[in-house]
Amino acid sequence: MQEVIYATGVPVQSTLEKVIYTINTTAWTTTPSTPIIDSVKDDLGTTVTSTVMPAGSPSASGAIITLPRLEALTAGRIYTITVTFVSGSNTFATFIRVMGTT
């Protein structure tokens, strides 16, 4: 599984913010389909998907997967969002990390 690295490093998100993140899949494919959020876990290993991504589903358009809104983070925690998607007969997995801050 390959981590998505943003040019600015690990994104930092305030506990007050609600942010929609995207994943560019051109390292794997230009036609991702069936994107799924496998889990969102904090750095303690606790699954917090229903708390921090309470609504929506990821979608794919071109080579971009758009994730549901990430919200209600706890300051000082690092969240790992694991996503799978399909291209042809292959299923790929990737993840991004986001740090909660005040």
PDB file of N, CA and C in Angstrom:
ATOM      1  N   MET A   1       0.854  -1.171   0.000  1.00  0.00           N
ATOM      2  CA  MET A   1       0.000   0.000   0.000  1.00  0.00           C
ATOM      3  C   MET A   1       0.896   1.229   0.000  1.00  0.00           C
ATOM      4  N   GLN A   2       0.577   2.167  -0.848  1.00  0.00           N
ATOM      5  CA  GLN A   2       1.385   3.365  -1.021  1.00  0.00           C
ATOM      6  C   GLN A   2       0.689   4.555  -0.378  1.00  0.00           C
ATOM      7  N   GLU A   3       1.469   5.347   0.379  1.00  0.00           N
ATOM      8  CA  GLU A   3       0.925   6.553   0.989  1.00  0.00           C
ATOM      9  C   GLU A   3       0.880   7.676  -0.032  1.00  0.00           C
ATOM     10  N   VAL A   4      -0.197   8.450  -0.010  1.00  0.00           N
ATOM     11  CA  VAL A   4      -0.294   9.652  -0.830  1.00  0.00           C
ATOM     12  C   VAL A   4       0.434  10.758  -0.082  1.00  0.00           C
ATOM     13  N   ILE A   5       1.446  11.329  -0.698  1.00  0.00           N
ATOM     14  CA  ILE A   5       2.235  12.391  -0.081  1.00  0.00           C
ATOM     15  C   ILE A   5       1.887  13.710  -0.770  1.00  0.00           C
ATOM     16  N   TYR A   6       1.463  14.684   0.021  1.00  0.00           N
ATOM     17  CA  TYR A   6       1.179  16.006  -0.526  1.00  0.00           C
ATOM     18  C   TYR A   6       2.466  16.814  -0.551  1.00  0.00           C
ATOM     19  N   ALA A   7       2.601  17.729  -1.489  1.00  0.00           N
ATOM     20  CA  ALA A   7       3.811  18.529  -1.635  1.00  0.00           C
ATOM     21  C   ALA A   7       4.137  19.299  -0.362  1.00  0.00           C
ATOM     22  N   THR A   8       3.129  19.634   0.418  1.00  0.00           N
ATOM     23  CA  THR A   8       3.329  20.404   1.646  1.00  0.00           C
ATOM     24  C   THR A   8       3.516  19.508   2.861  1.00  0.00           C
ATOM     25  N   GLY A   9       3.577  18.192   2.669  1.00  0.00           N
ATOM     26  CA  GLY A   9       3.715  17.263   3.790  1.00  0.00           C
ATOM     27  C   GLY A   9       2.351  16.811   4.291  1.00  0.00           C
ATOM     28  N   VAL A  10       2.311  16.364   5.532  1.00  0.00           N
ATOM     29  CA  VAL A  10       1.050  15.902   6.125  1.00  0.00           C
ATOM     30  C   VAL A  10       0.131  17.098   6.302  1.00  0.00           C
ATOM     31  N   PRO A  11      -1.078  17.038   5.725  1.00  0.00           N
ATOM     32  CA  PRO A  11      -2.008  18.152   5.903  1.00  0.00           C
ATOM     33  C   PRO A  11      -2.348  18.353   7.376  1.00  0.00           C
ATOM     34  N   VAL A  12      -2.469  19.601   7.784  1.00  0.00           N
ATOM     35  CA  VAL A  12      -2.865  19.956   9.143  1.00  0.00           C
ATOM     36  C   VAL A  12      -4.255  20.565   9.055  1.00  0.00           C
ATOM     37  N   GLN A  13      -5.170  20.046   9.872  1.00  0.00           N
ATOM     38  CA  GLN A  13      -6.564  20.497   9.828  1.00  0.00           C
ATOM     39  C   GLN A  13      -7.020  20.864  11.230  1.00  0.00           C
ATOM     40  N   SER A  14      -7.581  22.045  11.373  1.00  0.00           N
ATOM     41  CA  SER A  14      -8.112  22.523  12.647  1.00  0.00           C
ATOM     42  C   SER A  14      -9.326  21.699  13.069  1.00  0.00           C
ATOM     43  N   THR A  15      -9.521  21.622  14.361  1.00  0.00           N
ATOM     44  CA  THR A  15     -10.699  20.928  14.889  1.00  0.00           C
ATOM     45  C   THR A  15     -11.997  21.601  14.457  1.00  0.00           C
ATOM     46  N   LEU A  16     -11.924  22.855  14.021  1.00  0.00           N
ATOM     47  CA  LEU A  16     -13.106  23.591  13.572  1.00  0.00           C
ATOM     48  C   LEU A  16     -13.391  23.421  12.083  1.00  0.00           C
ATOM     49  N   GLU A  17     -12.411  22.900  11.336  1.00  0.00           N
ATOM     50  CA  GLU A  17     -12.540  22.818   9.885  1.00  0.00           C
ATOM     51  C   GLU A  17     -13.242  21.538   9.433  1.00  0.00           C
ATOM     52  N   LYS A  18     -13.858  21.620   8.262  1.00  0.00           N
ATOM     53  CA  LYS A  18     -14.470  20.491   7.562  1.00  0.00           C
ATOM     54  C   LYS A  18     -13.910  20.518   6.149  1.00  0.00           C
ATOM     55  N   VAL A  19     -13.082  19.495   5.803  1.00  0.00           N
ATOM     56  CA  VAL A  19     -12.304  19.549   4.570  1.00  0.00           C
ATOM     57  C   VAL A  19     -12.562  18.317   3.706  1.00  0.00           C
ATOM     58  N   ILE A  20     -12.665  18.540   2.399  1.00  0.00           N
ATOM     59  CA  ILE A  20     -12.784  17.454   1.426  1.00  0.00           C
ATOM     60  C   ILE A  20     -11.415  17.280   0.771  1.00  0.00           C
ATOM     61  N   TYR A  21     -10.820  16.100   0.915  1.00  0.00           N
ATOM     62  CA  TYR A  21      -9.516  15.801   0.334  1.00  0.00           C
ATOM     63  C   TYR A  21      -9.684  15.027  -0.962  1.00  0.00           C
ATOM     64  N   THR A  22      -8.677  15.121  -1.825  1.00  0.00           N
ATOM     65  CA  THR A  22      -8.676  14.370  -3.080  1.00  0.00           C
ATOM     66  C   THR A  22      -7.395  13.543  -3.179  1.00  0.00           C
ATOM     67  N   ILE A  23      -7.498  12.470  -3.961  1.00  0.00           N
ATOM     68  CA  ILE A  23      -6.354  11.612  -4.238  1.00  0.00           C
ATOM     69  C   ILE A  23      -6.196  11.537  -5.750  1.00  0.00           C
ATOM     70  N   ASN A  24      -5.005  11.865  -6.238  1.00  0.00           N
ATOM     71  CA  ASN A  24      -4.687  11.740  -7.653  1.00  0.00           C
ATOM     72  C   ASN A  24      -4.133  10.337  -7.873  1.00  0.00           C
ATOM     73  N   THR A  25      -4.782   9.534  -8.700  1.00  0.00           N
ATOM     74  CA  THR A  25      -4.423   8.122  -8.867  1.00  0.00           C
ATOM     75  C   THR A  25      -3.516   7.846 -10.061  1.00  0.00           C
ATOM     76  N   THR A  26      -2.946   8.879 -10.677  1.00  0.00           N
ATOM     77  CA  THR A  26      -2.157   8.637 -11.887  1.00  0.00           C
ATOM     78  C   THR A  26      -0.932   7.751 -11.641  1.00  0.00           C
ATOM     79  N   ALA A  27      -0.493   7.583 -10.405  1.00  0.00           N
ATOM     80  CA  ALA A  27       0.606   6.644 -10.120  1.00  0.00           C
ATOM     81  C   ALA A  27       0.166   5.196 -10.339  1.00  0.00           C
ATOM     82  N   TRP A  28      -1.164   4.956 -10.296  1.00  0.00           N
ATOM     83  CA  TRP A  28      -1.715   3.618 -10.494  1.00  0.00           C
ATOM     84  C   TRP A  28      -2.502   3.506 -11.796  1.00  0.00           C
ATOM     85  N   THR A  29      -3.370   4.472 -12.032  1.00  0.00           N
ATOM     86  CA  THR A  29      -4.296   4.412 -13.161  1.00  0.00           C
ATOM     87  C   THR A  29      -4.888   5.796 -13.411  1.00  0.00           C
ATOM     88  N   THR A  30      -5.399   6.004 -14.612  1.00  0.00           N
ATOM     89  CA  THR A  30      -6.130   7.250 -14.894  1.00  0.00           C
ATOM     90  C   THR A  30      -7.632   7.030 -14.885  1.00  0.00           C
ATOM     91  N   THR A  31      -8.048   5.793 -14.583  1.00  0.00           N
ATOM     92  CA  THR A  31      -9.483   5.479 -14.588  1.00  0.00           C
ATOM     93  C   THR A  31      -9.879   4.683 -13.348  1.00  0.00           C
ATOM     94  N   PRO A  32      -9.763   5.276 -12.153  1.00  0.00           N
ATOM     95  CA  PRO A  32     -10.183   4.547 -10.957  1.00  0.00           C
ATOM     96  C   PRO A  32     -11.700   4.423 -10.904  1.00  0.00           C
ATOM     97  N   SER A  33     -12.174   3.340 -10.325  1.00  0.00           N
ATOM     98  CA  SER A  33     -13.613   3.188 -10.118  1.00  0.00           C
ATOM     99  C   SER A  33     -13.833   2.529  -8.763  1.00  0.00           C
ATOM    100  N   THR A  34     -15.058   2.573  -8.315  1.00  0.00           N
ATOM    101  CA  THR A  34     -15.494   1.929  -7.080  1.00  0.00           C
ATOM    102  C   THR A  34     -14.617   2.301  -5.881  1.00  0.00           C
ATOM    103  N   PRO A  35     -14.360   3.589  -5.650  1.00  0.00           N
ATOM    104  CA  PRO A  35     -13.563   3.947  -4.479  1.00  0.00           C
ATOM    105  C   PRO A  35     -14.331   3.685  -3.183  1.00  0.00           C
ATOM    106  N   ILE A  36     -13.624   3.187  -2.188  1.00  0.00           N
ATOM    107  CA  ILE A  36     -14.233   2.858  -0.890  1.00  0.00           C
ATOM    108  C   ILE A  36     -13.318   3.360   0.214  1.00  0.00           C
ATOM    109  N   ILE A  37     -13.915   3.961   1.248  1.00  0.00           N
ATOM    110  CA  ILE A  37     -13.168   4.284   2.463  1.00  0.00           C
ATOM    111  C   ILE A  37     -13.147   3.007   3.298  1.00  0.00           C
ATOM    112  N   ASP A  38     -11.975   2.387   3.408  1.00  0.00           N
ATOM    113  CA  ASP A  38     -11.878   1.173   4.218  1.00  0.00           C
ATOM    114  C   ASP A  38     -11.952   1.510   5.696  1.00  0.00           C
ATOM    115  N   SER A  39     -11.240   2.555   6.096  1.00  0.00           N
ATOM    116  CA  SER A  39     -11.285   2.968   7.496  1.00  0.00           C
ATOM    117  C   SER A  39     -10.620   4.312   7.664  1.00  0.00           C
ATOM    118  N   VAL A  40     -10.976   4.968   8.757  1.00  0.00           N
ATOM    119  CA  VAL A  40     -10.243   6.129   9.247  1.00  0.00           C
ATOM    120  C   VAL A  40      -9.878   5.784  10.680  1.00  0.00           C
ATOM    121  N   LYS A  41      -8.575   5.768  10.957  1.00  0.00           N
ATOM    122  CA  LYS A  41      -8.097   5.442  12.304  1.00  0.00           C
ATOM    123  C   LYS A  41      -7.244   6.580  12.827  1.00  0.00           C
ATOM    124  N   ASP A  42      -7.304   6.785  14.148  1.00  0.00           N
ATOM    125  CA  ASP A  42      -6.409   7.761  14.747  1.00  0.00           C
ATOM    126  C   ASP A  42      -5.091   7.078  15.095  1.00  0.00           C
ATOM    127  N   ASP A  43      -4.143   7.848  15.597  1.00  0.00           N
ATOM    128  CA  ASP A  43      -2.820   7.300  15.868  1.00  0.00           C
ATOM    129  C   ASP A  43      -2.780   6.366  17.073  1.00  0.00           C
ATOM    130  N   LEU A  44      -3.904   6.182  17.749  1.00  0.00           N
ATOM    131  CA  LEU A  44      -4.013   5.186  18.814  1.00  0.00           C
ATOM    132  C   LEU A  44      -4.526   3.855  18.257  1.00  0.00           C
ATOM    133  N   GLY A  45      -4.871   3.851  16.944  1.00  0.00           N
ATOM    134  CA  GLY A  45      -5.387   2.644  16.304  1.00  0.00           C
ATOM    135  C   GLY A  45      -6.891   2.485  16.425  1.00  0.00           C
ATOM    136  N   THR A  46      -7.563   3.502  16.936  1.00  0.00           N
ATOM    137  CA  THR A  46      -9.012   3.465  17.103  1.00  0.00           C
ATOM    138  C   THR A  46      -9.698   3.822  15.786  1.00  0.00           C
ATOM    139  N   THR A  47     -10.655   3.018  15.363  1.00  0.00           N
ATOM    140  CA  THR A  47     -11.433   3.327  14.164  1.00  0.00           C
ATOM    141  C   THR A  47     -12.424   4.436  14.491  1.00  0.00           C
ATOM    142  N   VAL A  48     -12.340   5.546  13.757  1.00  0.00           N
ATOM    143  CA  VAL A  48     -13.165   6.727  14.021  1.00  0.00           C
ATOM    144  C   VAL A  48     -13.921   7.182  12.778  1.00  0.00           C
ATOM    145  N   THR A  49     -14.088   6.280  11.823  1.00  0.00           N
ATOM    146  CA  THR A  49     -14.698   6.641  10.537  1.00  0.00           C
ATOM    147  C   THR A  49     -16.041   7.336  10.716  1.00  0.00           C
ATOM    148  N   SER A  50     -16.932   6.757  11.514  1.00  0.00           N
ATOM    149  CA  SER A  50     -18.282   7.322  11.642  1.00  0.00           C
ATOM    150  C   SER A  50     -18.287   8.668  12.360  1.00  0.00           C
ATOM    151  N   THR A  51     -17.242   8.975  13.105  1.00  0.00           N
ATOM    152  CA  THR A  51     -17.154  10.256  13.811  1.00  0.00           C
ATOM    153  C   THR A  51     -16.572  11.352  12.924  1.00  0.00           C
ATOM    154  N   VAL A  52     -15.509  11.040  12.191  1.00  0.00           N
ATOM    155  CA  VAL A  52     -14.815  12.087  11.433  1.00  0.00           C
ATOM    156  C   VAL A  52     -15.208  12.141   9.956  1.00  0.00           C
ATOM    157  N   MET A  53     -15.877  11.088   9.451  1.00  0.00           N
ATOM    158  CA  MET A  53     -16.430  11.081   8.085  1.00  0.00           C
ATOM    159  C   MET A  53     -17.854  10.542   8.173  1.00  0.00           C
ATOM    160  N   PRO A  54     -18.738  11.319   8.828  1.00  0.00           N
ATOM    161  CA  PRO A  54     -20.071  10.786   9.134  1.00  0.00           C
ATOM    162  C   PRO A  54     -21.022  10.681   7.946  1.00  0.00           C
ATOM    163  N   ALA A  55     -20.709  11.338   6.837  1.00  0.00           N
ATOM    164  CA  ALA A  55     -21.664  11.327   5.724  1.00  0.00           C
ATOM    165  C   ALA A  55     -20.934  11.288   4.392  1.00  0.00           C
ATOM    166  N   GLY A  56     -21.587  10.678   3.424  1.00  0.00           N
ATOM    167  CA  GLY A  56     -21.062  10.698   2.070  1.00  0.00           C
ATOM    168  C   GLY A  56     -20.220   9.489   1.733  1.00  0.00           C
ATOM    169  N   SER A  57     -19.894   9.395   0.468  1.00  0.00           N
ATOM    170  CA  SER A  57     -19.065   8.322  -0.069  1.00  0.00           C
ATOM    171  C   SER A  57     -18.041   8.933  -1.007  1.00  0.00           C
ATOM    172  N   PRO A  58     -16.910   8.279  -1.192  1.00  0.00           N
ATOM    173  CA  PRO A  58     -15.946   8.805  -2.162  1.00  0.00           C
ATOM    174  C   PRO A  58     -16.466   8.653  -3.580  1.00  0.00           C
ATOM    175  N   SER A  59     -15.965   9.495  -4.468  1.00  0.00           N
ATOM    176  CA  SER A  59     -16.347   9.412  -5.877  1.00  0.00           C
ATOM    177  C   SER A  59     -15.095   9.561  -6.731  1.00  0.00           C
ATOM    178  N   ALA A  60     -15.173   9.065  -7.963  1.00  0.00           N
ATOM    179  CA  ALA A  60     -14.044   9.147  -8.891  1.00  0.00           C
ATOM    180  C   ALA A  60     -14.472   9.873 -10.155  1.00  0.00           C
ATOM    181  N   SER A  61     -13.590  10.759 -10.625  1.00  0.00           N
ATOM    182  CA  SER A  61     -13.806  11.461 -11.884  1.00  0.00           C
ATOM    183  C   SER A  61     -12.440  11.646 -12.527  1.00  0.00           C
ATOM    184  N   GLY A  62     -12.258  11.068 -13.708  1.00  0.00           N
ATOM    185  CA  GLY A  62     -10.928  11.075 -14.304  1.00  0.00           C
ATOM    186  C   GLY A  62      -9.990  10.313 -13.395  1.00  0.00           C
ATOM    187  N   ALA A  63      -8.831  10.880 -13.103  1.00  0.00           N
ATOM    188  CA  ALA A  63      -7.848  10.228 -12.233  1.00  0.00           C
ATOM    189  C   ALA A  63      -7.953  10.686 -10.777  1.00  0.00           C
ATOM    190  N   ILE A  64      -9.006  11.434 -10.449  1.00  0.00           N
ATOM    191  CA  ILE A  64      -9.141  12.011  -9.119  1.00  0.00           C
ATOM    192  C   ILE A  64     -10.248  11.314  -8.324  1.00  0.00           C
ATOM    193  N   ILE A  65      -9.902  10.884  -7.111  1.00  0.00           N
ATOM    194  CA  ILE A  65     -10.893  10.370  -6.157  1.00  0.00           C
ATOM    195  C   ILE A  65     -11.146  11.479  -5.145  1.00  0.00           C
ATOM    196  N   THR A  66     -12.400  11.839  -4.976  1.00  0.00           N
ATOM    197  CA  THR A  66     -12.793  12.861  -4.004  1.00  0.00           C
ATOM    198  C   THR A  66     -13.382  12.149  -2.795  1.00  0.00           C
ATOM    199  N   LEU A  67     -12.826  12.438  -1.625  1.00  0.00           N
ATOM    200  CA  LEU A  67     -13.266  11.788  -0.394  1.00  0.00           C
ATOM    201  C   LEU A  67     -14.415  12.561   0.241  1.00  0.00           C
ATOM    202  N   PRO A  68     -15.191  11.900   1.097  1.00  0.00           N
ATOM    203  CA  PRO A  68     -16.201  12.632   1.862  1.00  0.00           C
ATOM    204  C   PRO A  68     -15.514  13.642   2.792  1.00  0.00           C
ATOM    205  N   ARG A  69     -16.295  14.575   3.285  1.00  0.00           N
ATOM    206  CA  ARG A  69     -15.770  15.624   4.162  1.00  0.00           C
ATOM    207  C   ARG A  69     -15.206  15.028   5.452  1.00  0.00           C
ATOM    208  N   LEU A  70     -14.000  15.470   5.837  1.00  0.00           N
ATOM    209  CA  LEU A  70     -13.356  15.073   7.086  1.00  0.00           C
ATOM    210  C   LEU A  70     -13.589  16.184   8.098  1.00  0.00           C
ATOM    211  N   GLU A  71     -14.077  15.830   9.280  1.00  0.00           N
ATOM    212  CA  GLU A  71     -14.454  16.838  10.270  1.00  0.00           C
ATOM    213  C   GLU A  71     -14.306  16.281  11.681  1.00  0.00           C
ATOM    214  N   ALA A  72     -14.508  17.141  12.660  1.00  0.00           N
ATOM    215  CA  ALA A  72     -14.554  16.762  14.083  1.00  0.00           C
ATOM    216  C   ALA A  72     -13.270  16.065  14.538  1.00  0.00           C
ATOM    217  N   LEU A  73     -12.127  16.577  14.076  1.00  0.00           N
ATOM    218  CA  LEU A  73     -10.853  15.987  14.484  1.00  0.00           C
ATOM    219  C   LEU A  73     -10.496  16.418  15.903  1.00  0.00           C
ATOM    220  N   THR A  74      -9.629  15.648  16.525  1.00  0.00           N
ATOM    221  CA  THR A  74      -9.108  15.966  17.851  1.00  0.00           C
ATOM    222  C   THR A  74      -7.696  16.516  17.681  1.00  0.00           C
ATOM    223  N   ALA A  75      -7.423  17.637  18.319  1.00  0.00           N
ATOM    224  CA  ALA A  75      -6.097  18.247  18.232  1.00  0.00           C
ATOM    225  C   ALA A  75      -5.040  17.282  18.769  1.00  0.00           C
ATOM    226  N   GLY A  76      -3.922  17.201  18.041  1.00  0.00           N
ATOM    227  CA  GLY A  76      -2.817  16.357  18.455  1.00  0.00           C
ATOM    228  C   GLY A  76      -2.864  14.930  17.928  1.00  0.00           C
ATOM    229  N   ARG A  77      -3.966  14.543  17.305  1.00  0.00           N
ATOM    230  CA  ARG A  77      -4.095  13.187  16.756  1.00  0.00           C
ATOM    231  C   ARG A  77      -3.741  13.217  15.274  1.00  0.00           C
ATOM    232  N   ILE A  78      -3.170  12.129  14.796  1.00  0.00           N
ATOM    233  CA  ILE A  78      -2.911  11.955  13.371  1.00  0.00           C
ATOM    234  C   ILE A  78      -3.870  10.884  12.868  1.00  0.00           C
ATOM    235  N   TYR A  79      -4.601  11.205  11.811  1.00  0.00           N
ATOM    236  CA  TYR A  79      -5.620  10.317  11.258  1.00  0.00           C
ATOM    237  C   TYR A  79      -5.108   9.688   9.964  1.00  0.00           C
ATOM    238  N   THR A  80      -5.332   8.402   9.803  1.00  0.00           N
ATOM    239  CA  THR A  80      -4.970   7.688   8.586  1.00  0.00           C
ATOM    240  C   THR A  80      -6.251   7.265   7.887  1.00  0.00           C
ATOM    241  N   ILE A  81      -6.431   7.747   6.657  1.00  0.00           N
ATOM    242  CA  ILE A  81      -7.604   7.424   5.849  1.00  0.00           C
ATOM    243  C   ILE A  81      -7.165   6.403   4.810  1.00  0.00           C
ATOM    244  N   THR A  82      -7.711   5.194   4.880  1.00  0.00           N
ATOM    245  CA  THR A  82      -7.349   4.126   3.949  1.00  0.00           C
ATOM    246  C   THR A  82      -8.445   3.988   2.902  1.00  0.00           C
ATOM    247  N   VAL A  83      -8.028   4.010   1.637  1.00  0.00           N
ATOM    248  CA  VAL A  83      -8.956   3.993   0.504  1.00  0.00           C
ATOM    249  C   VAL A  83      -8.560   2.866  -0.448  1.00  0.00           C
ATOM    250  N   THR A  84      -9.552   2.137  -0.956  1.00  0.00           N
ATOM    251  CA  THR A  84      -9.295   1.189  -2.039  1.00  0.00           C
ATOM    252  C   THR A  84     -10.078   1.630  -3.269  1.00  0.00           C
ATOM    253  N   PHE A  85      -9.570   1.236  -4.447  1.00  0.00           N
ATOM    254  CA  PHE A  85     -10.265   1.530  -5.690  1.00  0.00           C
ATOM    255  C   PHE A  85      -9.870   0.481  -6.717  1.00  0.00           C
ATOM    256  N   VAL A  86     -10.658   0.388  -7.766  1.00  0.00           N
ATOM    257  CA  VAL A  86     -10.495  -0.640  -8.791  1.00  0.00           C
ATOM    258  C   VAL A  86     -10.076   0.003 -10.107  1.00  0.00           C
ATOM    259  N   SER A  87      -9.234  -0.717 -10.839  1.00  0.00           N
ATOM    260  CA  SER A  87      -8.904  -0.349 -12.215  1.00  0.00           C
ATOM    261  C   SER A  87      -8.739  -1.645 -12.989  1.00  0.00           C
ATOM    262  N   GLY A  88      -9.641  -1.883 -13.921  1.00  0.00           N
ATOM    263  CA  GLY A  88      -9.619  -3.150 -14.660  1.00  0.00           C
ATOM    264  C   GLY A  88      -9.820  -4.316 -13.717  1.00  0.00           C
ATOM    265  N   SER A  89      -8.908  -5.275 -13.740  1.00  0.00           N
ATOM    266  CA  SER A  89      -8.991  -6.439 -12.851  1.00  0.00           C
ATOM    267  C   SER A  89      -8.212  -6.224 -11.557  1.00  0.00           C
ATOM    268  N   ASN A  90      -7.653  -5.047 -11.356  1.00  0.00           N
ATOM    269  CA  ASN A  90      -6.809  -4.782 -10.192  1.00  0.00           C
ATOM    270  C   ASN A  90      -7.548  -3.966  -9.138  1.00  0.00           C
ATOM    271  N   THR A  91      -7.257  -4.264  -7.876  1.00  0.00           N
ATOM    272  CA  THR A  91      -7.725  -3.455  -6.757  1.00  0.00           C
ATOM    273  C   THR A  91      -6.499  -2.863  -6.084  1.00  0.00           C
ATOM    274  N   PHE A  92      -6.499  -1.552  -5.914  1.00  0.00           N
ATOM    275  CA  PHE A  92      -5.380  -0.840  -5.307  1.00  0.00           C
ATOM    276  C   PHE A  92      -5.802  -0.271  -3.962  1.00  0.00           C
ATOM    277  N   ALA A  93      -4.830  -0.118  -3.058  1.00  0.00           N
ATOM    278  CA  ALA A  93      -5.080   0.491  -1.756  1.00  0.00           C
ATOM    279  C   ALA A  93      -4.054   1.592  -1.532  1.00  0.00           C
ATOM    280  N   THR A  94      -4.497   2.657  -0.921  1.00  0.00           N
ATOM    281  CA  THR A  94      -3.612   3.763  -0.581  1.00  0.00           C
ATOM    282  C   THR A  94      -4.110   4.407   0.701  1.00  0.00           C
ATOM    283  N   PHE A  95      -3.326   5.325   1.245  1.00  0.00           N
ATOM    284  CA  PHE A  95      -3.775   6.023   2.441  1.00  0.00           C
ATOM    285  C   PHE A  95      -3.183   7.419   2.475  1.00  0.00           C
ATOM    286  N   ILE A  96      -3.883   8.303   3.195  1.00  0.00           N
ATOM    287  CA  ILE A  96      -3.369   9.642   3.480  1.00  0.00           C
ATOM    288  C   ILE A  96      -3.450   9.857   4.980  1.00  0.00           C
ATOM    289  N   ARG A  97      -2.583  10.708   5.461  1.00  0.00           N
ATOM    290  CA  ARG A  97      -2.591  11.071   6.880  1.00  0.00           C
ATOM    291  C   ARG A  97      -2.937  12.555   7.001  1.00  0.00           C
ATOM    292  N   VAL A  98      -3.695  12.876   8.044  1.00  0.00           N
ATOM    293  CA  VAL A  98      -4.069  14.253   8.332  1.00  0.00           C
ATOM    294  C   VAL A  98      -3.875  14.475   9.821  1.00  0.00           C
ATOM    295  N   MET A  99      -3.243  15.586  10.185  1.00  0.00           N
ATOM    296  CA  MET A  99      -3.030  15.890  11.607  1.00  0.00           C
ATOM    297  C   MET A  99      -4.060  16.890  12.102  1.00  0.00           C
ATOM    298  N   GLY A 100      -4.700  16.565  13.195  1.00  0.00           N
ATOM    299  CA  GLY A 100      -5.644  17.483  13.833  1.00  0.00           C
ATOM    300  C   GLY A 100      -4.909  18.502  14.688  1.00  0.00           C
ATOM    301  N   THR A 101      -5.347  19.752  14.633  1.00  0.00           N
ATOM    302  CA  THR A 101      -4.724  20.817  15.411  1.00  0.00           C
ATOM    303  C   THR A 101      -5.801  21.788  15.902  1.00  0.00           C
ATOM    304  N   THR A 102      -5.424  22.656  16.830  1.00  0.00           N
ATOM    305  CA  THR A 102      -6.389  23.635  17.345  1.00  0.00           C
ATOM    306  C   THR A 102      -6.477  24.829  16.427  1.00  0.00           C
TER     307      THR A 102
END
